[in-house]
C-alpha atoms as a PDB file:
ATOM      1  CA  MET A   1      27.064   1.305 -11.489  1.00  0.00           C
ATOM      2  CA  LYS A   2      24.689   2.665  -8.849  1.00  0.00           C
ATOM      3  CA  LYS A   3      20.994   3.023  -9.637  1.00  0.00           C
ATOM      4  CA  THR A   4      19.393   6.345  -8.682  1.00  0.00           C
ATOM      5  CA  VAL A   5      16.087   5.823  -6.893  1.00  0.00           C
ATOM      6  CA  LEU A   6      13.618   8.598  -6.036  1.00  0.00           C
ATOM      7  CA  VAL A   7      11.145   7.941  -3.217  1.00  0.00           C
ATOM      8  CA  SER A   8       8.256  10.368  -2.761  1.00  0.00           C
ATOM      9  CA  GLY A   9       6.628  11.109   0.591  1.00  0.00           C
ATOM     10  CA  ALA A  10       9.949  10.343   2.268  1.00  0.00           C
ATOM     11  CA  SER A  11       8.896  11.936   5.559  1.00  0.00           C
ATOM     12  CA  GLY A  12       6.170   9.318   6.124  1.00  0.00           C
ATOM     13  CA  ILE A  13       6.300   5.797   7.507  1.00  0.00           C
ATOM     14  CA  VAL A  14       6.088   4.183   4.050  1.00  0.00           C
ATOM     15  CA  GLY A  15       8.558   6.586   2.421  1.00  0.00           C
ATOM     16  CA  TYR A  16      11.356   6.334   4.944  1.00  0.00           C
ATOM     17  CA  GLY A  17      10.582   2.632   5.275  1.00  0.00           C
ATOM     18  CA  ILE A  18      11.395   2.196   1.574  1.00  0.00           C
ATOM     19  CA  LEU A  19      14.581   4.268   1.924  1.00  0.00           C
ATOM     20  CA  ARG A  20      15.710   2.303   4.983  1.00  0.00           C
ATOM     21  CA  SER A  21      15.058  -0.951   3.111  1.00  0.00           C
ATOM     22  CA  LEU A  22      17.201   0.143   0.176  1.00  0.00           C
ATOM     23  CA  LEU A  23      19.948   1.326   2.532  1.00  0.00           C
ATOM     24  CA  LYS A  24      20.522  -2.324   3.443  1.00  0.00           C
ATOM     25  CA  ASN A  25      22.232  -2.482   0.030  1.00  0.00           C
ATOM     26  CA  LYS A  26      23.441   1.122  -0.021  1.00  0.00           C
ATOM     27  CA  GLU A  27      26.398   0.317  -2.285  1.00  0.00           C
ATOM     28  CA  GLU A  28      23.867  -0.348  -5.080  1.00  0.00           C
ATOM     29  CA  TYR A  29      21.769   2.823  -4.891  1.00  0.00           C
ATOM     30  CA  THR A  30      21.852   6.593  -4.828  1.00  0.00           C
ATOM     31  CA  LEU A  31      18.724   7.588  -2.917  1.00  0.00           C
ATOM     32  CA  ILE A  32      16.693  10.751  -3.511  1.00  0.00           C
ATOM     33  CA  GLY A  33      13.954  11.589  -0.995  1.00  0.00           C
ATOM     34  CA  THR A  34      11.168  14.108  -1.588  1.00  0.00           C
ATOM     35  CA  THR A  35       8.539  15.535   0.727  1.00  0.00           C
ATOM     36  CA  ILE A  36       6.595  18.765   1.174  1.00  0.00           C
ATOM     37  CA  TYR A  37       7.921  19.083   4.741  1.00  0.00           C
ATOM     38  CA  ASP A  38      11.169  21.007   5.139  1.00  0.00           C
ATOM     39  CA  GLU A  39      11.726  19.580   8.633  1.00  0.00           C
ATOM     40  CA  SER A  40      11.460  15.796   8.641  1.00  0.00           C
ATOM     41  CA  ILE A  41      13.382  12.564   9.061  1.00  0.00           C
ATOM     42  CA  ALA A  42      13.698  12.123   5.289  1.00  0.00           C
ATOM     43  CA  PRO A  43      17.245  13.541   4.859  1.00  0.00           C
ATOM     44  CA  ALA A  44      18.571  10.991   7.365  1.00  0.00           C
ATOM     45  CA  PHE A  45      17.919   8.136   4.952  1.00  0.00           C
ATOM     46  CA  CYS A  46      18.798   9.544   1.530  1.00  0.00           C
ATOM     47  CA  ASP A  47      21.792  10.895  -0.353  1.00  0.00           C
ATOM     48  CA  ALA A  48      19.940  13.958  -1.603  1.00  0.00           C
ATOM     49  CA  PHE A  49      16.762  15.644  -0.438  1.00  0.00           C
ATOM     50  CA  GLU A  50      14.351  17.708  -2.530  1.00  0.00           C
ATOM     51  CA  LEU A  51      11.599  19.825  -1.011  1.00  0.00           C
ATOM     52  CA  ALA A  52       8.530  18.941  -3.060  1.00  0.00           C
ATOM     53  CA  VAL A  53       5.657  21.065  -4.249  1.00  0.00           C
ATOM     54  CA  PRO A  54       2.243  19.646  -3.217  1.00  0.00           C
ATOM     55  CA  THR A  55       1.017  16.816  -5.437  1.00  0.00           C
ATOM     56  CA  ASN A  56      -2.119  18.791  -6.331  1.00  0.00           C
ATOM     57  CA  ALA A  57      -0.140  21.873  -7.432  1.00  0.00           C
ATOM     58  CA  GLU A  58      -0.463  22.852 -11.102  1.00  0.00           C
ATOM     59  CA  ASN A  59       3.299  22.706 -11.630  1.00  0.00           C
ATOM     60  CA  TYR A  60       3.851  19.397  -9.820  1.00  0.00           C
ATOM     61  CA  ILE A  61       4.578  17.256 -12.911  1.00  0.00           C
ATOM     62  CA  ASP A  62       6.948  19.904 -14.299  1.00  0.00           C
ATOM     63  CA  TRP A  63       8.696  20.015 -10.925  1.00  0.00           C
ATOM     64  CA  LEU A  64       8.955  16.212 -10.760  1.00  0.00           C
ATOM     65  CA  CYS A  65      10.383  15.968 -14.287  1.00  0.00           C
ATOM     66  CA  SER A  66      12.958  18.640 -13.448  1.00  0.00           C
ATOM     67  CA  VAL A  67      14.087  16.629 -10.394  1.00  0.00           C
ATOM     68  CA  ILE A  68      14.341  13.477 -12.519  1.00  0.00           C
ATOM     69  CA  LYS A  69      16.633  15.271 -14.958  1.00  0.00           C
ATOM     70  CA  LYS A  70      18.629  17.034 -12.231  1.00  0.00           C
ATOM     71  CA  HIS A  71      19.547  13.765 -10.494  1.00  0.00           C
ATOM     72  CA  SER A  72      19.417  11.440 -13.543  1.00  0.00           C
ATOM     73  CA  VAL A  73      16.814   9.356 -11.712  1.00  0.00           C
ATOM     74  CA  ASP A  74      16.491   5.758 -12.906  1.00  0.00           C
ATOM     75  CA  ILE A  75      13.312   4.782 -11.075  1.00  0.00           C
ATOM     76  CA  LEU A  76      10.594   6.472  -9.006  1.00  0.00           C
ATOM     77  CA  ILE A  77       8.733   4.832  -6.095  1.00  0.00           C
ATOM     78  CA  PRO A  78       5.541   6.440  -4.738  1.00  0.00           C
ATOM     79  CA  SER A  79       4.951   6.038  -1.015  1.00  0.00           C
ATOM     80  CA  ILE A  80       1.666   7.955  -0.829  1.00  0.00           C
ATOM     81  CA  GLU A  81      -1.575   7.279  -2.671  1.00  0.00           C
ATOM     82  CA  ALA A  82      -1.897  10.783  -4.113  1.00  0.00           C
ATOM     83  CA  ASP A  83       1.433  10.398  -5.912  1.00  0.00           C
ATOM     84  CA  MET A  84       0.608   6.900  -7.134  1.00  0.00           C
ATOM     85  CA  TYR A  85      -2.682   8.078  -8.661  1.00  0.00           C
ATOM     86  CA  LEU A  86      -1.202  11.182 -10.289  1.00  0.00           C
ATOM     87  CA  TRP A  87       1.865   9.368 -11.623  1.00  0.00           C
ATOM     88  CA  ASN A  88      -0.444   6.728 -13.064  1.00  0.00           C
ATOM     89  CA  ASP A  89      -2.317   9.456 -14.964  1.00  0.00           C
ATOM     90  CA  HIS A  90       0.945  10.965 -16.281  1.00  0.00           C
ATOM     91  CA  ARG A  91       2.987   7.833 -17.001  1.00  0.00           C
ATOM     92  CA  LYS A  92       4.208   8.836 -20.464  1.00  0.00           C
ATOM     93  CA  GLU A  93       5.119  12.370 -19.466  1.00  0.00           C
ATOM     94  CA  ILE A  94       7.188  11.172 -16.498  1.00  0.00           C
ATOM     95  CA  GLU A  95       8.839   8.331 -18.409  1.00  0.00           C
ATOM     96  CA  ASN A  96       9.739  10.768 -21.203  1.00  0.00           C
ATOM     97  CA  ALA A  97      11.798  12.636 -18.591  1.00  0.00           C
ATOM     98  CA  GLY A  98      14.017   9.546 -18.470  1.00  0.00           C
ATOM     99  CA  ALA A  99      12.840   7.475 -15.484  1.00  0.00           C
ATOM    100  CA  THR A 100      11.052   4.173 -14.929  1.00  0.00           C
ATOM    101  CA  LEU A 101       7.935   4.240 -12.741  1.00  0.00           C
ATOM    102  CA  LEU A 102       7.519   1.581 -10.094  1.00  0.00           C
ATOM    103  CA  LEU A 103       3.777   1.364 -10.526  1.00  0.00           C
ATOM    104  CA  ASN A 104       1.317  -1.507 -10.503  1.00  0.00           C
ATOM    105  CA  ARG A 105      -0.962  -2.244 -13.447  1.00  0.00           C
ATOM    106  CA  SER A 106      -2.733   0.975 -14.406  1.00  0.00           C
ATOM    107  CA  GLU A 107      -6.217  -0.562 -14.370  1.00  0.00           C
ATOM    108  CA  LEU A 108      -5.713  -2.019 -10.888  1.00  0.00           C
ATOM    109  CA  ILE A 109      -4.557   1.356  -9.535  1.00  0.00           C
ATOM    110  CA  ASP A 110      -7.716   2.963 -10.938  1.00  0.00           C
ATOM    111  CA  LEU A 111      -9.878   0.141  -9.563  1.00  0.00           C
ATOM    112  CA  CYS A 112      -8.486   0.528  -6.038  1.00  0.00           C
ATOM    113  CA  LYS A 113      -9.324   4.241  -5.943  1.00  0.00           C
ATOM    114  CA  ASP A 114     -12.973   3.607  -5.144  1.00  0.00           C
ATOM    115  CA  LYS A 115     -14.205   0.937  -2.704  1.00  0.00           C
ATOM    116  CA  TRP A 116     -17.675   0.784  -4.270  1.00  0.00           C
ATOM    117  CA  SER A 117     -16.367   0.381  -7.817  1.00  0.00           C
ATOM    118  CA  PHE A 118     -13.875  -2.180  -6.505  1.00  0.00           C
ATOM    119  CA  TYR A 119     -16.661  -4.234  -4.924  1.00  0.00           C
ATOM    120  CA  LYS A 120     -18.965  -4.065  -7.950  1.00  0.00           C
ATOM    121  CA  SER A 121     -16.167  -5.081 -10.318  1.00  0.00           C
ATOM    122  CA  LEU A 122     -15.104  -8.136  -8.333  1.00  0.00           C
ATOM    123  CA  VAL A 123     -18.238  -9.462  -6.640  1.00  0.00           C
ATOM    124  CA  ASP A 124     -19.127 -11.778  -9.541  1.00  0.00           C
ATOM    125  CA  ASP A 125     -15.618 -13.240  -9.796  1.00  0.00           C
ATOM    126  CA  ILE A 126     -14.409 -13.668  -6.200  1.00  0.00           C
ATOM    127  CA  PRO A 127     -17.505 -13.271  -3.975  1.00  0.00           C
ATOM    128  CA  GLU A 128     -16.096 -15.687  -1.387  1.00  0.00           C
ATOM    129  CA  TYR A 129     -13.361 -13.182  -0.461  1.00  0.00           C
ATOM    130  CA  LEU A 130     -15.426  -9.976  -0.439  1.00  0.00           C
ATOM    131  CA  ILE A 131     -17.261  -8.249   2.401  1.00  0.00           C
ATOM    132  CA  PRO A 132     -20.873  -7.349   1.494  1.00  0.00           C
ATOM    133  CA  THR A 133     -20.986  -3.656   0.565  1.00  0.00           C
ATOM    134  CA  THR A 134     -23.659  -1.154  -0.466  1.00  0.00           C
ATOM    135  CA  ASP A 135     -23.688   2.515  -1.348  1.00  0.00           C
ATOM    136  CA  ASP A 136     -27.337   2.878  -0.266  1.00  0.00           C
ATOM    137  CA  LEU A 137     -27.088   4.213   3.291  1.00  0.00           C
ATOM    138  CA  SER A 138     -30.820   4.864   3.584  1.00  0.00           C
ATOM    139  CA  LYS A 139     -31.541   1.257   4.609  1.00  0.00           C
ATOM    140  CA  ASN A 140     -29.851  -0.787   7.295  1.00  0.00           C
ATOM    141  CA  ILE A 141     -29.604  -4.166   5.572  1.00  0.00           C
ATOM    142  CA  TYR A 142     -26.816  -5.552   7.763  1.00  0.00           C
ATOM    143  CA  GLY A 143     -28.138  -4.932  11.282  1.00  0.00           C
ATOM    144  CA  TYR A 144     -26.272  -3.173  14.095  1.00  0.00           C
ATOM    145  CA  PRO A 145     -23.430  -2.553  14.500  1.00  0.00           C
ATOM    146  CA  TYR A 146     -22.135  -1.728  11.013  1.00  0.00           C
ATOM    147  CA  ILE A 147     -19.519   0.611   9.577  1.00  0.00           C
ATOM    148  CA  VAL A 148     -19.663   3.497   7.147  1.00  0.00           C
ATOM    149  CA  LYS A 149     -16.473   4.419   5.293  1.00  0.00           C
ATOM    150  CA  PRO A 150     -15.399   6.760   2.489  1.00  0.00           C
ATOM    151  CA  LYS A 151     -15.406   5.294  -1.018  1.00  0.00           C
ATOM    152  CA  ARG A 152     -11.989   6.860  -1.417  1.00  0.00           C
ATOM    153  CA  GLY A 153      -9.518   6.862   1.453  1.00  0.00           C
ATOM    154  CA  PHE A 154      -6.847   4.860   3.233  1.00  0.00           C
ATOM    155  CA  GLY A 155      -6.045   3.512   6.682  1.00  0.00           C
ATOM    156  CA  SER A 156      -8.970   3.996   9.058  1.00  0.00           C
ATOM    157  CA  LYS A 157      -9.572   7.629   8.159  1.00  0.00           C
ATOM    158  CA  GLY A 158     -13.230   8.635   8.014  1.00  0.00           C
ATOM    159  CA  VAL A 159     -14.562   5.263   9.187  1.00  0.00           C
ATOM    160  CA  MET A 160     -17.630   5.467  11.438  1.00  0.00           C
ATOM    161  CA  LYS A 161     -19.016   2.608  13.505  1.00  0.00           C
ATOM    162  CA  ILE A 162     -22.818   2.821  13.822  1.00  0.00           C
ATOM    163  CA  GLN A 163     -23.679   0.958  17.004  1.00  0.00           C
ATOM    164  CA  ASN A 164     -27.465   1.396  17.204  1.00  0.00           C
ATOM    165  CA  GLU A 165     -30.436   3.431  15.969  1.00  0.00           C
ATOM    166  CA  ASN A 166     -29.550   6.431  18.136  1.00  0.00           C
ATOM    167  CA  ASP A 167     -26.083   6.371  16.614  1.00  0.00           C
ATOM    168  CA  TYR A 168     -27.616   6.294  13.135  1.00  0.00           C
ATOM    169  CA  HIS A 169     -29.839   9.339  13.740  1.00  0.00           C
ATOM    170  CA  LYS A 170     -26.930  11.218  15.272  1.00  0.00           C
ATOM    171  CA  ASN A 171     -24.728  10.657  12.200  1.00  0.00           C
ATOM    172  CA  LYS A 172     -27.135  10.346   9.264  1.00  0.00           C
ATOM    173  CA  ASP A 173     -26.910  14.028   8.299  1.00  0.00           C
ATOM    174  CA  SER A 174     -23.199  13.526   7.612  1.00  0.00           C
ATOM    175  CA  PHE A 175     -23.860  10.599   5.269  1.00  0.00           C
ATOM    176  CA  SER A 176     -23.225  11.328   1.593  1.00  0.00           C
ATOM    177  CA  LYS A 177     -22.948   9.641  -1.781  1.00  0.00           C
ATOM    178  CA  GLU A 178     -19.215   9.325  -1.160  1.00  0.00           C
ATOM    179  CA  LEU A 179     -19.701   6.655   1.533  1.00  0.00           C
ATOM    180  CA  VAL A 180     -20.372   2.929   1.585  1.00  0.00           C
ATOM    181  CA  MET A 181     -21.840   0.648   4.260  1.00  0.00           C
ATOM    182  CA  GLN A 182     -20.450  -2.712   5.359  1.00  0.00           C
ATOM    183  CA  PRO A 183     -21.237  -5.209   8.130  1.00  0.00           C
ATOM    184  CA  ILE A 184     -18.563  -5.626  10.790  1.00  0.00           C
ATOM    185  CA  ILE A 185     -16.846  -8.947  10.239  1.00  0.00           C
ATOM    186  CA  GLY A 186     -14.246 -10.506  12.505  1.00  0.00           C
ATOM    187  CA  THR A 187     -12.397  -8.533  15.155  1.00  0.00           C
ATOM    188  CA  ASP A 188      -9.299  -6.362  15.379  1.00  0.00           C
ATOM    189  CA  ASP A 189      -7.483  -9.457  16.684  1.00  0.00           C
ATOM    190  CA  ASP A 190      -8.148 -11.314  13.421  1.00  0.00           C
ATOM    191  CA  GLU A 191      -6.569  -8.876  10.966  1.00  0.00           C
ATOM    192  CA  TYR A 192      -3.812  -9.831   8.530  1.00  0.00           C
ATOM    193  CA  THR A 193      -1.602  -7.973   6.086  1.00  0.00           C
ATOM    194  CA  VAL A 194      -0.008  -9.888   3.226  1.00  0.00           C
ATOM    195  CA  ALA A 195       2.649  -8.544   0.850  1.00  0.00           C
ATOM    196  CA  GLY A 196       2.792 -10.342  -2.464  1.00  0.00           C
ATOM    197  CA  PHE A 197       5.228  -9.873  -5.338  1.00  0.00           C
ATOM    198  CA  PHE A 198       3.969 -10.550  -8.875  1.00  0.00           C
ATOM    199  CA  ASP A 199       5.774 -10.626 -12.216  1.00  0.00           C
ATOM    200  CA  LYS A 200       4.486  -8.911 -15.354  1.00  0.00           C
ATOM    201  CA  ASN A 201       2.442 -12.026 -16.185  1.00  0.00           C
ATOM    202  CA  HIS A 202       0.658 -11.573 -12.810  1.00  0.00           C
ATOM    203  CA  THR A 203       2.273 -14.749 -11.460  1.00  0.00           C
ATOM    204  CA  LEU A 204       2.828 -14.847  -7.697  1.00  0.00           C
ATOM    205  CA  ILE A 205       6.588 -14.998  -7.101  1.00  0.00           C
ATOM    206  CA  ASP A 206       6.787 -14.630  -3.317  1.00  0.00           C
ATOM    207  CA  PHE A 207       4.823 -13.349  -0.321  1.00  0.00           C
ATOM    208  CA  ILE A 208       5.000 -12.796   3.425  1.00  0.00           C
ATOM    209  CA  SER A 209       2.039 -12.628   5.802  1.00  0.00           C
ATOM    210  CA  PHE A 210       1.590 -10.939   9.184  1.00  0.00           C
ATOM    211  CA  LYS A 211      -1.097 -11.015  11.800  1.00  0.00           C
ATOM    212  CA  ARG A 212      -1.187  -7.381  12.830  1.00  0.00           C
ATOM    213  CA  LYS A 213      -2.394  -4.784  15.280  1.00  0.00           C
ATOM    214  CA  LEU A 214      -3.016  -1.250  14.064  1.00  0.00           C
ATOM    215  CA  SER A 215      -1.933   2.067  15.492  1.00  0.00           C
ATOM    216  CA  THR A 216      -4.452   4.876  15.917  1.00  0.00           C
ATOM    217  CA  ASP A 217      -3.213   6.214  12.548  1.00  0.00           C
ATOM    218  CA  GLY A 218      -4.244   3.013  10.790  1.00  0.00           C
ATOM    219  CA  PHE A 219      -0.713   1.680  10.232  1.00  0.00           C
ATOM    220  CA  THR A 220       0.681  -1.671  11.425  1.00  0.00           C
ATOM    221  CA  ASN A 221       2.012  -1.293  14.973  1.00  0.00           C
ATOM    222  CA  VAL A 222       2.650  -4.939  15.895  1.00  0.00           C
ATOM    223  CA  ALA A 223       3.280  -7.620  13.277  1.00  0.00           C
ATOM    224  CA  LYS A 224       3.647 -11.357  13.876  1.00  0.00           C
ATOM    225  CA  VAL A 225       4.722 -13.636  11.032  1.00  0.00           C
ATOM    226  CA  VAL A 226       2.054 -16.298  10.452  1.00  0.00           C
ATOM    227  CA  ASP A 227       2.288 -19.584   8.617  1.00  0.00           C
ATOM    228  CA  TYR A 228      -1.168 -19.406   7.027  1.00  0.00           C
ATOM    229  CA  ASP A 229      -1.821 -20.843   3.568  1.00  0.00           C
ATOM    230  CA  PHE A 230      -2.300 -17.548   1.738  1.00  0.00           C
ATOM    231  CA  GLU A 231      -0.721 -18.805  -1.481  1.00  0.00           C
ATOM    232  CA  GLY A 232      -3.932 -20.213  -2.952  1.00  0.00           C
ATOM    233  CA  ILE A 233      -5.921 -17.155  -1.867  1.00  0.00           C
ATOM    234  CA  LEU A 234      -3.449 -14.730  -3.467  1.00  0.00           C
ATOM    235  CA  LYS A 235      -3.364 -16.725  -6.702  1.00  0.00           C
ATOM    236  CA  ASN A 236      -7.173 -16.810  -6.917  1.00  0.00           C
ATOM    237  CA  ILE A 237      -7.428 -13.052  -6.367  1.00  0.00           C
ATOM    238  CA  ALA A 238      -4.517 -12.341  -8.732  1.00  0.00           C
ATOM    239  CA  ASN A 239      -6.265 -14.267 -11.519  1.00  0.00           C
ATOM    240  CA  VAL A 240      -8.936 -11.547 -11.397  1.00  0.00           C
ATOM    241  CA  VAL A 241      -7.126  -8.307 -10.462  1.00  0.00           C
ATOM    242  CA  LYS A 242      -3.836  -9.112 -12.292  1.00  0.00           C
ATOM    243  CA  PRO A 243      -1.291  -7.262 -10.094  1.00  0.00           C
ATOM    244  CA  VAL A 244       2.283  -6.445 -11.102  1.00  0.00           C
ATOM    245  CA  GLY A 245       5.131  -5.927  -8.636  1.00  0.00           C
ATOM    246  CA  PRO A 246       4.678  -5.342  -4.886  1.00  0.00           C
ATOM    247  CA  THR A 247       1.014  -5.506  -3.887  1.00  0.00           C
ATOM    248  CA  ASN A 248      -0.468  -5.404  -0.385  1.00  0.00           C
ATOM    249  CA  PHE A 249      -3.593  -7.338   0.622  1.00  0.00           C
ATOM    250  CA  GLN A 250      -5.452  -6.809   3.890  1.00  0.00           C
ATOM    251  CA  PHE A 251      -7.703  -9.520   5.301  1.00  0.00           C
ATOM    252  CA  ARG A 252      -9.864 -10.392   8.271  1.00  0.00           C
ATOM    253  CA  LEU A 253     -10.513 -13.965   9.316  1.00  0.00           C
ATOM    254  CA  PHE A 254     -14.276 -14.516   9.630  1.00  0.00           C
ATOM    255  CA  GLU A 255     -15.891 -17.885  10.316  1.00  0.00           C
ATOM    256  CA  GLY A 256     -12.865 -19.716   8.965  1.00  0.00           C
ATOM    257  CA  THR A 257     -12.617 -17.681   5.737  1.00  0.00           C
ATOM    258  CA  MET A 258     -10.221 -14.857   4.866  1.00  0.00           C
ATOM    259  CA  LYS A 259     -12.214 -11.802   3.795  1.00  0.00           C
ATOM    260  CA  LEU A 260     -10.513  -9.118   1.738  1.00  0.00           C
ATOM    261  CA  LEU A 261     -10.606  -5.688   3.381  1.00  0.00           C
ATOM    262  CA  GLU A 262      -8.725  -3.920   0.600  1.00  0.00           C
ATOM    263  CA  ILE A 263      -5.853  -4.060  -1.856  1.00  0.00           C
ATOM    264  CA  ASN A 264      -3.073  -1.470  -1.834  1.00  0.00           C
ATOM    265  CA  PRO A 265      -1.451  -1.693  -5.292  1.00  0.00           C
ATOM    266  CA  ARG A 266       1.907  -0.454  -3.988  1.00  0.00           C
ATOM    267  CA  ILE A 267       4.449  -0.922  -1.210  1.00  0.00           C
ATOM    268  CA  SER A 268       2.688  -0.479   2.136  1.00  0.00           C
ATOM    269  CA  SER A 269       3.507   0.702   5.658  1.00  0.00           C
ATOM    270  CA  SER A 270       4.878  -2.646   6.901  1.00  0.00           C
ATOM    271  CA  THR A 271       7.672  -2.612   4.329  1.00  0.00           C
ATOM    272  CA  SER A 272      10.520  -1.789   6.729  1.00  0.00           C
ATOM    273  CA  ILE A 273       9.379  -4.616   9.032  1.00  0.00           C
ATOM    274  CA  ARG A 274       9.364  -7.026   6.109  1.00  0.00           C
ATOM    275  CA  ALA A 275      12.824  -5.899   4.995  1.00  0.00           C
ATOM    276  CA  SER A 276      14.194  -6.357   8.537  1.00  0.00           C
ATOM    277  CA  LEU A 277      12.972  -9.950   8.396  1.00  0.00           C
ATOM    278  CA  GLY A 278      14.623 -10.631   5.037  1.00  0.00           C
ATOM    279  CA  TYR A 279      11.724  -9.878   2.661  1.00  0.00           C
ATOM    280  CA  ASN A 280      13.031  -6.725   0.982  1.00  0.00           C
ATOM    281  CA  GLU A 281      10.310  -5.890  -1.536  1.00  0.00           C
ATOM    282  CA  SER A 282      11.818  -2.469  -2.331  1.00  0.00           C
ATOM    283  CA  LYS A 283      15.055  -4.060  -3.572  1.00  0.00           C
ATOM    284  CA  MET A 284      13.102  -6.837  -5.290  1.00  0.00           C
ATOM    285  CA  ALA A 285      10.992  -4.258  -7.116  1.00  0.00           C
ATOM    286  CA  VAL A 286      13.873  -1.998  -8.203  1.00  0.00           C
ATOM    287  CA  ASP A 287      15.853  -4.980  -9.497  1.00  0.00           C
ATOM    288  CA  TYR A 288      12.833  -6.366 -11.340  1.00  0.00           C
ATOM    289  CA  PHE A 289      11.473  -3.142 -12.848  1.00  0.00           C
ATOM    290  CA  LEU A 290      14.914  -1.908 -13.958  1.00  0.00           C
ATOM    291  CA  ASP A 291      16.824  -5.094 -14.784  1.00  0.00           C
ATOM    292  CA  GLY A 292      14.150  -7.783 -15.116  1.00  0.00           C
ATOM    293  CA  ILE A 293      15.652  -9.789 -12.244  1.00  0.00           C
ATOM    294  CA  VAL A 294      12.876 -12.055 -10.930  1.00  0.00           C
ATOM    295  CA  PRO A 295      13.077 -12.558  -7.130  1.00  0.00           C
ATOM    296  CA  CYS A 296      13.838 -16.141  -6.239  1.00  0.00           C
ATOM    297  CA  ALA A 297      11.753 -17.712  -3.461  1.00  0.00           C
ATOM    298  CA  ILE A 298      13.236 -21.194  -3.988  1.00  0.00           C
ATOM    299  CA  ASP A 299      15.585 -22.437  -1.256  1.00  0.00           C
ATOM    300  CA  LYS A 300      14.913 -19.302   0.794  1.00  0.00           C
ATOM    301  CA  THR A 301      15.052 -19.722   4.568  1.00  0.00           C
ATOM    302  CA  PRO A 302      11.454 -19.562   5.860  1.00  0.00           C
ATOM    303  CA  ILE A 303      10.666 -16.466   7.932  1.00  0.00           C
ATOM    304  CA  ILE A 304       8.932 -17.869  11.025  1.00  0.00           C
ATOM    305  CA  ASN A 305       8.456 -17.231  14.750  1.00  0.00           C
ATOM    306  CA  ARG A 306       9.118 -13.505  14.520  1.00  0.00           C
ATOM    307  CA  THR A 307       7.212 -10.559  15.993  1.00  0.00           C
ATOM    308  CA  ALA A 308       7.945  -6.901  15.243  1.00  0.00           C
ATOM    309  CA  VAL A 309       6.875  -3.982  17.456  1.00  0.00           C
ATOM    310  CA  ARG A 310       7.159  -0.370  16.334  1.00  0.00           C
ATOM    311  CA  TYR A 311       8.296   2.385  18.681  1.00  0.00           C
ATOM    312  CA  VAL A 312       9.148   6.089  18.546  1.00  0.00           C
ATOM    313  CA  ASP A 313      12.799   7.073  18.210  1.00  0.00           C
ATOM    314  CA  GLU A 314      14.808  10.251  17.613  1.00  0.00           C
ATOM    315  CA  TYR A 315      17.368  11.198  15.002  1.00  0.00           C
ATOM    316  CA  ILE A 316      19.783  14.030  15.760  1.00  0.00           C
ATOM    317  CA  PHE A 317      21.032  16.089  12.798  1.00  0.00           C
END
């Protein structure tokens, strides 16, 4: 019997990436896509499309529960952070409508909301992986250049690079309590994205790692599979943050050590690339969260010597 899967934010790169990944086994799923945009690519990759109300609308949860009941949805997958955070706050209400939520551990989702809280919570346990961070922007303790970024945000949105003292004086009036300061470590050529899959005991089941280049929107544009020993790193971090299901880690290599840029406690923008290479975390997650099927990494053909490049295409309705 087919499982009915609802993917939110289906007009975005993560949303339609999840749908495209599940379409590789289309005989197993009925796919529902939702987005606030009435003209988008979303309907091309799903069996039914629902025009969503904005996530911050007062009636959003009522609307979502009505869609769950209308389509007899088995499981919901968030592709945008706003949905992940709101669904996390309304878990019981949504589950009472009859669907399973594909969400990471609630405490980890809350922790990843705020970069300053994230740093303070983890600096005593895994300092070797963290980038020095402060929320006191009145003093330059790292030297020039450094970066200022929002405590809450994603991709590269709102990040400012402060090159020198003139740059500081030009931008200081825009500094607020909602920003943090970090030194610049490594280069854009030393950035990695790693997708790990964890069971409900927070045990690492499988992972795939890319060396990546970002687009101007902050998403992976070029991804090259790398054979770097991330297993030990992921296990050490997981012992502290205790992830469940698909979890994305972003690193920069600095002086021979992988430094953690951030954790996305959900499926991330490289998911369609990973699925095209044989690491289909969307299917893995649906099968695990609904049926308890643990993905098997044993005897799997290694994914090596592959590079993926994204490009713009058209779909004609």
